[in-house]
Protein backbone atom coordinates (compact mmCIF):
# COMPACT_ATOMS: atom_id res chain seq x y z
CA MET A 1 -0.25 -0.01 0.10
CA SER A 2 1.39 3.92 -1.14
CA GLU A 3 2.25 5.90 1.79
CA LEU A 4 -0.52 8.37 0.42
CA ARG A 5 -3.28 5.56 0.87
CA SER A 6 -2.00 5.07 4.38
CA ASP A 7 -2.78 8.91 5.72
CA PRO A 8 -5.17 9.10 7.84
CA ALA A 9 -7.28 11.56 6.09
CA VAL A 10 -7.32 10.11 2.40
CA LYS A 11 -7.75 6.65 3.87
CA SER A 12 -11.20 8.09 5.75
CA LEU A 13 -11.97 9.19 2.69
CA LEU A 14 -11.17 6.25 0.49
CA GLU A 15 -13.12 4.01 2.83
CA ARG A 16 -15.98 5.73 2.08
CA MET A 17 -15.86 4.52 -1.47
CA PRO A 18 -16.46 1.42 -3.28
CA LYS A 19 -13.63 -0.91 -3.78
CA SER A 20 -13.37 -0.41 -7.07
CA ILE A 21 -13.13 3.10 -7.03
CA GLN A 22 -10.72 3.14 -4.43
CA ASP A 23 -8.41 1.09 -6.64
CA SER A 24 -8.80 3.74 -9.49
CA PHE A 25 -6.53 6.71 -8.34
CA THR A 26 -3.49 7.09 -9.19
CA GLU A 27 -0.74 8.43 -6.60
CA GLU A 28 -0.56 11.86 -8.29
CA GLN A 29 -4.88 12.27 -8.06
CA LEU A 30 -4.32 10.66 -4.40
CA SER A 31 -1.73 13.52 -3.92
CA HIS A 32 -3.96 16.35 -4.93
CA LEU A 33 -6.91 15.24 -3.07
CA LYS A 34 -4.84 15.09 0.08
CA ILE A 35 -4.23 18.67 -0.57
CA ALA A 36 -8.05 19.39 -1.16
CA ILE A 37 -8.85 17.95 1.84
CA GLY A 38 -5.92 18.95 3.88
CA ALA A 39 -7.23 22.60 3.80
CA ARG A 40 -10.06 21.29 6.03
CA GLN A 41 -8.27 19.42 9.07
CA TRP A 42 -8.33 21.37 11.91
CA GLY A 43 -4.83 20.33 13.48
CA ASN A 44 -3.66 20.64 17.08
CA HIS A 45 -5.06 23.51 19.27
CA VAL A 46 -3.94 24.66 22.75
CA ILE A 47 -7.76 24.70 23.95
CA ASP A 48 -9.95 22.14 21.98
CA TYR A 49 -13.02 22.09 23.83
CA ARG A 50 -16.52 20.02 22.27
CA GLY A 51 -19.97 19.82 23.36
CA VAL A 52 -23.26 18.60 22.79
CA ILE A 53 -26.02 20.68 24.51
CA LYS A 54 -29.86 19.40 24.43
CA ILE A 55 -32.50 21.51 24.47
CA PHE A 56 -36.08 19.97 24.26
CA ARG A 57 -35.68 17.31 21.59
CA TYR A 58 -33.13 19.19 19.71
CA ARG A 59 -29.04 18.62 20.26
CA TYR A 60 -26.86 21.36 19.50
CA TYR A 61 -23.29 21.06 19.59
CA TYR A 62 -20.64 23.63 20.42
CA VAL A 63 -17.18 24.02 19.47
CA LEU A 64 -13.81 26.19 21.26
CA LEU A 65 -10.72 26.26 19.41
CA ALA A 66 -8.17 28.63 20.22
CA GLY A 67 -4.60 28.57 19.61
CA ARG A 68 -1.45 30.11 17.49
CA ASN A 69 -2.72 31.33 14.19
CA ARG A 70 -0.81 30.01 11.37
CA ARG A 71 -3.26 31.09 8.60
CA VAL A 72 -2.53 33.54 6.22
CA LEU A 73 -5.18 36.55 6.69
CA SER A 74 -6.58 38.48 3.64
CA ILE A 75 -6.44 42.23 3.99
CA LYS A 76 -10.08 42.43 5.23
CA GLU A 77 -9.25 39.87 8.22
CA GLN A 78 -5.91 42.13 9.08
CA LYS A 79 -8.34 44.94 9.12
CA ILE A 80 -11.02 42.88 11.41
CA ALA A 81 -8.54 42.01 13.18
CA SER A 82 -6.79 45.18 14.02
CA VAL A 83 -10.07 46.49 14.88
CA ALA A 84 -11.08 44.00 17.64
CA GLN A 85 -7.38 43.83 19.01
CA ALA A 86 -7.74 47.79 19.95
CA ILE A 87 -11.34 47.35 21.00
CA PHE A 88 -9.71 44.64 23.43
CA PHE A 89 -6.88 46.48 24.22
CA ILE A 90 -8.96 49.95 25.16
CA GLY A 91 -11.48 47.61 26.71
CA VAL A 92 -8.67 46.02 29.13
CA PHE A 93 -6.95 49.80 29.88
CA SER A 94 -10.59 51.26 30.54
CA LEU A 95 -11.10 47.85 33.08
CA ILE A 96 -7.33 48.88 34.87
CA THR A 97 -8.26 52.72 35.23
CA VAL A 98 -11.67 52.07 36.37
CA LEU A 99 -10.17 49.82 39.28
CA THR A 100 -7.01 51.73 39.64
CA PHE A 101 -9.42 55.00 40.37
CA LEU A 102 -11.92 52.61 42.37
CA PHE A 103 -8.91 51.30 44.81
CA LEU A 104 -7.37 55.00 45.18
CA TYR A 105 -10.30 56.44 45.98
CA LEU A 106 -11.11 53.54 48.40
CA ILE A 107 -7.61 54.23 50.24
CA LYS A 108 -8.62 57.89 50.13
CA SER A 109 -12.11 57.33 51.84
CA ALA A 110 -10.06 54.75 54.72
CA LEU A 111 -7.36 57.77 55.14
CA GLY A 112 -10.25 59.94 56.17
CA ILE A 113 -9.47 62.37 53.33
CA ASP A 114 -12.31 64.66 52.61
CA MET A 115 -11.78 66.48 48.93
CA PHE A 116 -14.96 67.68 48.92
CA LYS A 117 -17.02 68.65 52.13
CA GLY A 118 -20.21 67.20 52.29
CA PHE A 119 -20.10 65.21 49.38
CA SER A 120 -19.45 61.24 49.20
CA LEU A 121 -20.18 59.00 46.09
CA GLY A 122 -21.20 57.05 48.77
CA ILE A 123 -18.88 53.89 47.61
CA TRP A 124 -17.10 54.05 51.19
CA ASP A 125 -20.12 53.24 52.92
CA TRP A 126 -21.13 50.35 50.57
CA PHE A 127 -17.28 49.02 51.03
CA LYS A 128 -17.50 49.05 54.56
CA SER A 129 -20.89 47.21 54.74
């Protein structure tokens, strides 16, 4: 048996065909089949989580894959990725900024520093309770 016929992807494809058709492929045809179906293989991912949820009488599957991107992105995909990355970093920066100000406000309130007489955001009272 040739090396291509023992490849798991090609073997899986050939097993779904009648024996006479399986034997009719040349090595060149098999190599082109492997290239064509190879683009659809998932490969290994750092996170590969799959499952099924049953809702009433229907079953839905979900897949969460994450890992290093080895694909070549089109110009449109690169622009979308840049915008998504900018939104992500702005969100993280905003969260860190808000948490930092909250922490500093709590420290100020704990030390009894009153910047505006008679005005309070109520965060210190909420935190104490």
